[in-house]
Amino acid sequence: MTSKPTPSLPIVPVVVTVAAVGVAALIARSRSKDGEGVGQQVRGLVAAQLIERPARNASYAGLGQGLERGGMMLTGRATRAADTASNRDVLAHIIGIERWGQNRLRVALGQRPYERDEYSPYRPPSDATLSELQDLLSQTRARSVDLARQLHTAAPNDDLKIEHNDFGPLTAKGWLQYLTQHADIESRKLKAGRPN
């Protein structure tokens, strides 16, 4: 009698998932005072590998196109989103972070001085409707694409870095990559409404 071979489990996806969860846990713990030194190192590693590395050899034109493509996906997700407090909060968060990041990009363009601030003043008002947030999202992303075009025309020195409150210094290309990634990740939290 022969036995069937037992299929092996896919090890690579499991290892990658465990590693990602581990890094996320370290980042979360690093926000406490006890592990601040380790937290800064972990955040720096995340920035280097997940933000700066993919952006390093990209052009500003290419990063701008990525923002445009991502904007179409964002618009689609936002259009399908149900009108819930949770979805409105996600959209306000994405808009606030993107506006905050735009000001950091304006520093790279020499349009304003660097100021360490938080993103919360850039969030839309808490009473904004879903429709208003959907419009603001499109307008905000269009401004990010415009900044990428300006950076293409007047590229800053590759050594210029502007501080990110959590991830440390990022290049202008890193900031564009960050805005694309952040909005994509956060917009996946949007829950679709029921079709009419």
Protein backbone atom coordinates (compact mmCIF):
# COMPACT_ATOMS: atom_id res chain seq x y z
CA MET A 1 0.00 0.00 0.00
CA THR A 2 1.37 3.41 -0.95
CA SER A 3 0.69 6.58 0.92
CA LYS A 4 0.18 9.97 -0.66
CA PRO A 5 2.87 12.51 0.06
CA THR A 6 1.85 15.20 2.50
CA PRO A 7 1.90 18.59 0.83
CA SER A 8 4.42 20.92 2.38
CA LEU A 9 3.31 24.21 3.84
CA PRO A 10 4.38 27.40 2.10
CA ILE A 11 7.16 28.57 4.42
CA VAL A 12 8.18 31.83 2.75
CA PRO A 13 4.82 33.65 3.09
CA VAL A 14 4.56 32.52 6.71
CA VAL A 15 8.07 33.78 7.50
CA VAL A 16 7.42 37.11 5.76
CA THR A 17 4.11 37.54 7.60
CA VAL A 18 5.69 36.71 10.97
CA ALA A 19 8.54 39.14 10.24
CA ALA A 20 6.11 41.91 9.26
CA VAL A 21 4.05 41.35 12.40
CA GLY A 22 7.26 41.37 14.45
CA VAL A 23 8.42 44.65 12.96
CA ALA A 24 4.98 46.19 13.48
CA ALA A 25 5.01 45.06 17.12
CA LEU A 26 8.48 46.55 17.63
CA ILE A 27 7.36 49.85 16.12
CA ALA A 28 4.30 49.93 18.35
CA ARG A 29 6.36 49.18 21.45
CA SER A 30 9.01 51.68 20.39
CA ARG A 31 6.62 54.56 20.98
CA SER A 32 7.03 54.04 24.72
CA LYS A 33 9.83 55.84 26.58
CA ASP A 34 11.51 52.58 27.65
CA GLY A 35 12.53 51.44 24.17
CA GLU A 36 13.09 54.81 22.49
CA GLY A 37 16.63 54.03 21.24
CA VAL A 38 15.58 50.67 19.81
CA GLY A 39 12.41 52.24 18.44
CA GLN A 40 14.35 54.88 16.54
CA GLN A 41 16.60 52.20 15.05
CA VAL A 42 13.62 50.09 13.98
CA ARG A 43 11.82 53.08 12.48
CA GLY A 44 15.02 54.05 10.65
CA LEU A 45 15.29 50.51 9.28
CA VAL A 46 11.66 50.57 8.15
CA ALA A 47 12.20 53.93 6.45
CA ALA A 48 15.36 52.73 4.74
CA GLN A 49 13.92 49.45 3.46
CA LEU A 50 10.26 50.18 2.82
CA ILE A 51 10.31 53.85 1.85
CA GLU A 52 13.72 55.05 0.69
CA ARG A 53 14.93 51.89 -1.03
CA PRO A 54 12.04 51.65 -3.54
CA ALA A 55 12.26 55.40 -4.22
CA ARG A 56 16.04 55.65 -4.56
CA ASN A 57 16.33 54.89 -8.27
CA ALA A 58 12.93 56.24 -9.25
CA SER A 59 12.54 59.53 -11.08
CA TYR A 60 10.31 62.31 -9.82
CA ALA A 61 8.24 61.83 -12.97
CA GLY A 62 7.84 58.13 -12.18
CA LEU A 63 6.94 58.82 -8.57
CA GLY A 64 4.40 61.38 -9.75
CA GLN A 65 2.88 58.81 -12.10
CA GLY A 66 2.72 56.39 -9.17
CA LEU A 67 0.85 59.02 -7.17
CA GLU A 68 -1.55 59.50 -10.10
CA ARG A 69 -2.21 55.78 -10.50
CA GLY A 70 -2.61 55.43 -6.75
CA GLY A 71 -5.00 58.39 -6.82
CA MET A 72 -7.26 56.54 -9.25
CA MET A 73 -7.34 53.55 -6.93
CA LEU A 74 -7.97 55.84 -3.95
CA THR A 75 -10.83 57.54 -5.74
CA GLY A 76 -12.37 54.18 -6.58
CA ARG A 77 -12.14 52.94 -3.01
CA ALA A 78 -13.52 56.22 -1.66
CA THR A 79 -16.39 56.17 -4.15
CA ARG A 80 -17.37 52.64 -3.09
CA ALA A 81 -17.06 53.44 0.64
CA ALA A 82 -20.16 53.30 2.79
CA ASP A 83 -21.10 56.50 4.59
CA THR A 84 -19.94 55.47 8.08
CA ALA A 85 -18.06 57.32 10.81
CA SER A 86 -15.20 54.83 10.46
CA ASN A 87 -14.85 55.42 6.70
CA ARG A 88 -15.04 59.19 7.14
CA ASP A 89 -12.30 58.93 9.78
CA VAL A 90 -10.06 56.90 7.44
CA LEU A 91 -10.51 59.44 4.63
CA ALA A 92 -9.84 62.38 6.97
CA HIS A 93 -6.68 60.62 8.19
CA ILE A 94 -5.40 60.02 4.64
CA ILE A 95 -6.12 63.63 3.65
CA GLY A 96 -4.48 65.01 6.81
CA ILE A 97 -1.30 62.96 6.38
CA GLU A 98 -1.08 63.84 2.69
CA ARG A 99 -1.49 67.57 3.34
CA TRP A 100 1.10 67.37 6.14
CA GLY A 101 3.50 65.55 3.80
CA GLN A 102 2.93 68.18 1.11
CA ASN A 103 4.29 70.82 3.46
CA ARG A 104 7.41 68.73 3.98
CA LEU A 105 7.78 68.51 0.18
CA ARG A 106 7.46 72.29 -0.05
CA VAL A 107 10.50 72.47 2.25
CA ALA A 108 12.43 70.39 -0.32
CA LEU A 109 11.34 72.85 -3.02
CA GLY A 110 12.49 75.83 -0.93
CA GLN A 111 8.92 77.17 -0.75
CA ARG A 112 8.75 77.18 3.03
CA PRO A 113 11.01 76.67 6.04
CA TYR A 114 10.98 73.37 7.93
CA GLU A 115 8.66 73.28 10.92
CA ARG A 116 8.19 70.20 13.06
CA ASP A 117 4.45 69.92 13.45
CA GLU A 118 1.84 67.21 13.78
CA TYR A 119 -0.56 66.15 11.07
CA SER A 120 -3.78 66.80 13.02
CA PRO A 121 -4.16 70.49 11.98
CA TYR A 122 -4.16 69.31 8.35
CA ARG A 123 -7.14 66.97 8.86
CA PRO A 124 -10.48 68.09 7.44
CA PRO A 125 -13.12 69.16 9.99
CA SER A 126 -14.69 66.30 11.92
CA ASP A 127 -18.14 67.19 10.58
CA ALA A 128 -17.10 66.86 6.92
CA THR A 129 -19.51 64.69 4.92
CA LEU A 130 -18.44 61.65 2.96
CA SER A 131 -19.02 63.55 -0.29
CA GLU A 132 -16.86 66.46 0.91
CA LEU A 133 -14.10 64.07 1.95
CA GLN A 134 -14.21 62.28 -1.41
CA ASP A 135 -13.78 65.64 -3.18
CA LEU A 136 -11.00 66.72 -0.80
CA LEU A 137 -9.20 63.43 -1.34
CA SER A 138 -9.09 63.98 -5.11
CA GLN A 139 -8.00 67.62 -4.72
CA THR A 140 -5.33 66.71 -2.18
CA ARG A 141 -3.88 63.95 -4.35
CA ALA A 142 -3.85 66.31 -7.35
CA ARG A 143 -1.73 68.74 -5.29
CA SER A 144 0.69 65.91 -4.42
CA VAL A 145 1.03 65.04 -8.11
CA ASP A 146 1.67 68.72 -8.85
CA LEU A 147 4.43 68.80 -6.21
CA ALA A 148 6.03 65.74 -7.81
CA ARG A 149 6.03 67.59 -11.15
CA GLN A 150 7.62 70.63 -9.50
CA LEU A 151 10.29 68.38 -7.99
CA HIS A 152 10.92 66.90 -11.44
CA THR A 153 11.48 70.41 -12.81
CA ALA A 154 13.55 71.67 -9.87
CA ALA A 155 14.99 68.55 -8.27
CA PRO A 156 16.63 69.11 -4.89
CA ASN A 157 19.99 67.64 -3.98
CA ASP A 158 19.66 63.89 -3.32
CA ASP A 159 21.31 64.43 0.06
CA LEU A 160 18.58 66.81 1.24
CA LYS A 161 16.40 65.13 3.86
CA ILE A 162 13.33 66.43 5.64
CA GLU A 163 12.32 65.00 8.98
CA HIS A 164 9.35 62.67 9.32
CA ASN A 165 8.06 62.65 12.89
CA ASP A 166 8.06 58.85 13.11
CA PHE A 167 10.48 57.60 10.45
CA GLY A 168 13.22 60.19 10.72
CA PRO A 169 14.84 62.01 7.80
CA LEU A 170 13.42 61.23 4.35
CA THR A 171 14.50 62.45 0.93
CA ALA A 172 11.93 64.20 -1.27
CA LYS A 173 11.65 60.95 -3.25
CA GLY A 174 11.13 59.11 0.02
CA TRP A 175 8.33 61.51 0.95
CA LEU A 176 6.57 60.89 -2.38
CA GLN A 177 6.93 57.13 -1.87
CA TYR A 178 5.65 57.46 1.69
CA LEU A 179 2.54 59.38 0.61
CA THR A 180 1.75 56.77 -2.04
CA GLN A 181 2.23 53.85 0.34
CA HIS A 182 0.44 55.43 3.29
CA ALA A 183 -2.71 56.26 1.34
CA ASP A 184 -2.76 52.83 -0.30
CA ILE A 185 -2.44 50.99 3.02
CA GLU A 186 -4.94 53.17 4.88
CA SER A 187 -7.52 53.16 2.07
CA ARG A 188 -7.71 49.37 2.30
CA LYS A 189 -9.51 49.90 5.63
CA LEU A 190 -12.48 51.48 3.82
CA LYS A 191 -15.59 49.32 3.91
CA ALA A 192 -17.70 49.32 0.78
CA GLY A 193 -21.36 50.23 0.86
CA ARG A 194 -24.14 48.11 -0.55
CA PRO A 195 -24.87 48.69 -4.23
CA ASN A 196 -28.24 50.34 -4.93
